[in-house]
């Protein structure tokens, strides 16, 4: 019996197990990665620091957005125009600052929802750089949201600009503005020519309503 056992062991020892080349290559890669574990951990340290710094930047940016969203966009634009020289460039800057907070919040939520999808995770797994993931996968899938937000906030920007011009802190008098037409018609020709105030107000109403309806239609199409 002992001789039979030794004979079977010698036969098993003489046989050689063959593995496919892919499996042997995978075993070799795993073995090398295990031997270089310390260097891999050292490489992860800057990555962790970068992620921590990015989280802090995101937290600070969101607190600034919360502070801007606590105030009305018209109030922010009015406060900015009260301390700067009225011009077309300053009006555009004030309108952008007054409306940028809700846009940032909506775009951020859309990007965070797309970030967890399978194709973004697959792009990260194959080593795609961040700029390629953003411009190849994130931005095209957010285009519908951007377009709907643009149509909505364009009408809101017209209302803010008309309000600033009506209050006398918007565009200069030598530049055409529906708000400026309203205030000039209301101060001088409200009795003799009421149509001078009716048509600018009607133009503001029609254009803003048109942009809102366009945004609703685009949202229905993309959804």
Protein backbone atom coordinates (compact mmCIF):
# COMPACT_ATOMS: atom_id res chain seq x y z
CA UNK A 1 0.00 0.00 0.00
CA UNK A 2 2.83 2.38 0.85
CA UNK A 3 4.55 1.63 -2.44
CA UNK A 4 1.29 2.34 -4.28
CA UNK A 5 0.96 5.71 -2.48
CA UNK A 6 4.53 6.68 -3.33
CA UNK A 7 3.96 5.65 -6.93
CA UNK A 8 0.82 7.81 -7.18
CA UNK A 9 2.66 10.79 -5.67
CA UNK A 10 5.48 10.38 -8.15
CA UNK A 11 2.99 10.30 -11.01
CA UNK A 12 1.25 13.47 -9.77
CA UNK A 13 4.58 15.17 -9.29
CA UNK A 14 5.55 14.33 -12.82
CA UNK A 15 2.39 15.83 -14.32
CA UNK A 16 2.44 19.54 -15.12
CA UNK A 17 -0.68 21.64 -14.96
CA UNK A 18 -1.08 23.89 -17.99
CA UNK A 19 -2.87 27.25 -17.74
CA UNK A 20 -3.99 29.60 -20.50
CA UNK A 21 -1.59 32.50 -21.21
CA UNK A 22 -4.13 35.11 -20.10
CA UNK A 23 -4.51 33.52 -16.67
CA UNK A 24 -0.74 33.26 -16.20
CA UNK A 25 -0.36 36.90 -17.24
CA UNK A 26 -3.09 37.96 -14.77
CA UNK A 27 -1.38 36.01 -11.97
CA UNK A 28 1.90 37.72 -12.80
CA UNK A 29 0.30 41.18 -12.70
CA UNK A 30 -1.36 40.45 -9.35
CA UNK A 31 1.93 39.18 -7.93
CA UNK A 32 3.81 42.28 -9.10
CA UNK A 33 1.16 44.60 -7.71
CA UNK A 34 1.35 42.81 -4.39
CA UNK A 35 5.11 43.26 -4.29
CA UNK A 36 4.75 46.97 -5.05
CA UNK A 37 1.99 47.57 -2.52
CA UNK A 38 3.99 50.08 -0.52
CA UNK A 39 4.65 52.28 -3.54
CA UNK A 40 0.99 52.06 -4.52
CA UNK A 41 -0.04 53.28 -1.08
CA UNK A 42 2.43 56.13 -1.35
CA UNK A 43 0.91 57.08 -4.69
CA UNK A 44 -2.56 57.16 -3.15
CA UNK A 45 -1.60 59.77 -0.55
CA UNK A 46 -1.50 62.76 -2.98
CA UNK A 47 -4.75 61.53 -4.51
CA UNK A 48 -6.46 61.50 -1.13
CA UNK A 49 -5.16 64.99 -0.41
CA UNK A 50 -6.46 66.20 -3.76
CA UNK A 51 -9.92 64.72 -3.08
CA UNK A 52 -9.99 66.32 0.37
CA UNK A 53 -8.99 69.72 -1.07
CA UNK A 54 -11.63 69.37 -3.78
CA UNK A 55 -14.31 68.64 -1.16
CA UNK A 56 -13.31 71.75 0.81
CA UNK A 57 -13.47 73.90 -2.33
CA UNK A 58 -16.90 72.50 -3.17
CA UNK A 59 -18.12 73.17 0.37
CA UNK A 60 -16.90 76.80 0.29
CA UNK A 61 -18.43 77.36 -3.16
CA UNK A 62 -21.78 75.96 -2.02
CA UNK A 63 -21.82 78.21 1.05
CA UNK A 64 -21.26 81.21 -1.25
CA UNK A 65 -24.10 79.97 -3.46
CA UNK A 66 -26.36 79.61 -0.40
CA UNK A 67 -25.57 83.20 0.60
CA UNK A 68 -26.43 84.46 -2.89
CA UNK A 69 -29.64 82.41 -3.02
CA UNK A 70 -30.81 83.90 0.27
CA UNK A 71 -31.23 87.23 -1.56
CA UNK A 72 -33.34 88.04 -4.59
CA UNK A 73 -31.52 88.41 -7.89
CA UNK A 74 -33.00 91.87 -8.46
CA UNK A 75 -31.82 92.99 -5.01
CA UNK A 76 -28.27 91.78 -5.68
CA UNK A 77 -28.18 93.53 -9.06
CA UNK A 78 -29.59 96.72 -7.52
CA UNK A 79 -26.95 96.68 -4.76
CA UNK A 80 -24.17 96.24 -7.33
CA UNK A 81 -25.45 99.01 -9.60
CA UNK A 82 -25.73 101.37 -6.61
CA UNK A 83 -21.95 101.32 -6.08
CA UNK A 84 -20.66 101.22 -9.69
CA UNK A 85 -20.94 103.52 -12.67
CA UNK A 86 -24.02 102.66 -14.78
CA UNK A 87 -23.06 101.23 -18.15
CA UNK A 88 -23.99 98.31 -20.35
CA UNK A 89 -21.09 96.18 -19.11
CA UNK A 90 -21.87 96.76 -15.43
CA UNK A 91 -25.55 95.98 -16.02
CA UNK A 92 -24.62 92.65 -17.66
CA UNK A 93 -22.24 91.85 -14.79
CA UNK A 94 -24.86 92.68 -12.16
CA UNK A 95 -27.47 90.52 -13.90
CA UNK A 96 -25.05 87.57 -14.16
CA UNK A 97 -24.11 87.77 -10.47
CA UNK A 98 -27.75 88.05 -9.49
CA UNK A 99 -28.78 84.95 -11.47
CA UNK A 100 -25.72 82.71 -11.23
CA UNK A 101 -26.50 81.08 -7.87
CA UNK A 102 -29.59 79.02 -8.87
CA UNK A 103 -27.93 78.09 -12.17
CA UNK A 104 -24.89 76.72 -10.32
CA UNK A 105 -27.09 74.74 -7.96
CA UNK A 106 -29.14 73.14 -10.76
CA UNK A 107 -26.11 72.34 -12.92
CA UNK A 108 -24.25 70.85 -9.93
CA UNK A 109 -27.14 68.55 -9.07
CA UNK A 110 -27.36 67.40 -12.71
CA UNK A 111 -23.62 66.69 -12.89
CA UNK A 112 -23.65 64.76 -9.60
CA UNK A 113 -26.49 62.56 -10.86
CA UNK A 114 -24.66 61.85 -14.13
CA UNK A 115 -21.40 61.18 -12.31
CA UNK A 116 -22.78 57.96 -10.80
CA UNK A 117 -23.94 56.42 -14.09
CA UNK A 118 -22.32 53.33 -15.57
CA UNK A 119 -20.71 54.91 -18.63
CA UNK A 120 -18.94 57.54 -16.50
CA UNK A 121 -17.69 54.85 -14.13
CA UNK A 122 -16.51 52.80 -17.11
CA UNK A 123 -14.64 55.80 -18.53
CA UNK A 124 -12.92 56.31 -15.18
CA UNK A 125 -12.05 52.61 -15.00
CA UNK A 126 -10.25 52.63 -18.37
CA UNK A 127 -8.20 55.67 -17.30
CA UNK A 128 -9.91 58.45 -19.27
CA UNK A 129 -8.71 61.92 -18.16
CA UNK A 130 -11.18 64.18 -16.33
CA UNK A 131 -11.41 66.72 -19.17
CA UNK A 132 -12.40 63.95 -21.60
CA UNK A 133 -15.07 62.65 -19.23
CA UNK A 134 -16.46 66.16 -18.78
CA UNK A 135 -16.59 67.17 -22.45
CA UNK A 136 -17.39 63.72 -23.88
CA UNK A 137 -19.90 62.34 -21.36
CA UNK A 138 -21.09 65.01 -18.90
CA UNK A 139 -21.62 68.14 -21.01
CA UNK A 140 -23.53 66.49 -23.92
CA UNK A 141 -25.92 64.82 -21.49
CA UNK A 142 -26.49 68.12 -19.64
CA UNK A 143 -27.17 70.07 -22.84
CA UNK A 144 -30.95 69.77 -22.52
CA UNK A 145 -30.85 71.14 -18.97
CA UNK A 146 -28.59 74.01 -20.05
CA UNK A 147 -30.90 74.94 -22.92
CA UNK A 148 -34.04 74.97 -20.76
CA UNK A 149 -32.31 77.03 -18.06
CA UNK A 150 -31.02 79.48 -20.69
CA UNK A 151 -34.52 80.15 -22.04
CA UNK A 152 -35.94 80.64 -18.55
CA UNK A 153 -33.21 82.90 -17.20
CA UNK A 154 -33.04 84.94 -20.39
CA UNK A 155 -36.57 86.14 -19.70
CA UNK A 156 -35.63 86.76 -16.07
CA UNK A 157 -32.62 88.83 -17.22
CA UNK A 158 -34.93 91.00 -19.35
CA UNK A 159 -37.11 91.67 -16.29
CA UNK A 160 -34.08 92.60 -14.15
CA UNK A 161 -32.64 94.92 -16.81
CA UNK A 162 -36.00 96.64 -17.33
CA UNK A 163 -36.41 97.05 -13.57
CA UNK A 164 -32.94 98.55 -13.17
CA UNK A 165 -33.53 100.98 -16.03
CA UNK A 166 -36.96 101.89 -14.64
CA UNK A 167 -35.36 102.68 -11.26
CA UNK A 168 -32.69 104.84 -12.91
CA UNK A 169 -29.65 102.66 -12.14
CA UNK A 170 -29.57 100.60 -15.34
CA UNK A 171 -28.29 101.45 -18.77
CA UNK A 172 -27.50 105.11 -19.56
CA UNK A 173 -30.32 107.23 -21.06
CA UNK A 174 -28.64 107.37 -24.47
CA UNK A 175 -29.02 103.59 -24.89
CA UNK A 176 -32.39 102.04 -25.75
CA UNK A 177 -34.12 100.09 -23.00
CA UNK A 178 -37.71 99.07 -22.42
CA UNK A 179 -37.43 100.05 -18.77
CA UNK A 180 -36.09 103.47 -19.75
CA UNK A 181 -38.95 103.93 -22.21
CA UNK A 182 -41.42 103.11 -19.45
CA UNK A 183 -40.00 105.60 -16.97
CA UNK A 184 -39.76 108.40 -19.56
CA UNK A 185 -43.31 107.76 -20.76
CA UNK A 186 -44.65 107.57 -17.20
CA UNK A 187 -42.98 110.82 -16.16
CA UNK A 188 -43.79 113.00 -19.17
CA UNK A 189 -46.43 111.53 -21.47
CA UNK A 190 -48.64 109.35 -19.31
CA UNK A 191 -51.71 111.52 -20.02
CA UNK A 192 -51.06 112.81 -23.51
CA UNK A 193 -49.61 109.60 -24.95
CA UNK A 194 -50.32 106.51 -22.82
CA UNK A 195 -49.33 104.22 -25.70
CA UNK A 196 -45.72 105.29 -25.10
CA UNK A 197 -45.86 103.27 -21.87
CA UNK A 198 -48.22 100.54 -23.07
CA UNK A 199 -46.10 99.23 -25.93
CA UNK A 200 -42.78 98.86 -24.01
CA UNK A 201 -44.62 97.08 -21.19
CA UNK A 202 -46.43 94.87 -23.69
CA UNK A 203 -43.12 94.07 -25.41
CA UNK A 204 -41.57 93.01 -22.08
CA UNK A 205 -44.59 90.81 -21.31
CA UNK A 206 -44.66 89.13 -24.73
CA UNK A 207 -40.92 88.44 -24.91
CA UNK A 208 -40.66 87.07 -21.36
CA UNK A 209 -43.77 84.92 -21.84
CA UNK A 210 -42.39 83.66 -25.15
CA UNK A 211 -39.11 82.56 -23.56
CA UNK A 212 -40.97 80.80 -20.73
CA UNK A 213 -43.22 78.94 -23.17
CA UNK A 214 -40.19 78.02 -25.27
CA UNK A 215 -38.47 76.62 -22.18
CA UNK A 216 -41.54 74.55 -21.26
CA UNK A 217 -41.78 73.18 -24.80
CA UNK A 218 -38.09 72.26 -24.87
CA UNK A 219 -38.37 70.53 -21.51
CA UNK A 220 -41.32 68.48 -22.77
CA UNK A 221 -39.39 67.54 -25.91
CA UNK A 222 -36.21 66.50 -24.09
CA UNK A 223 -38.07 64.64 -21.34
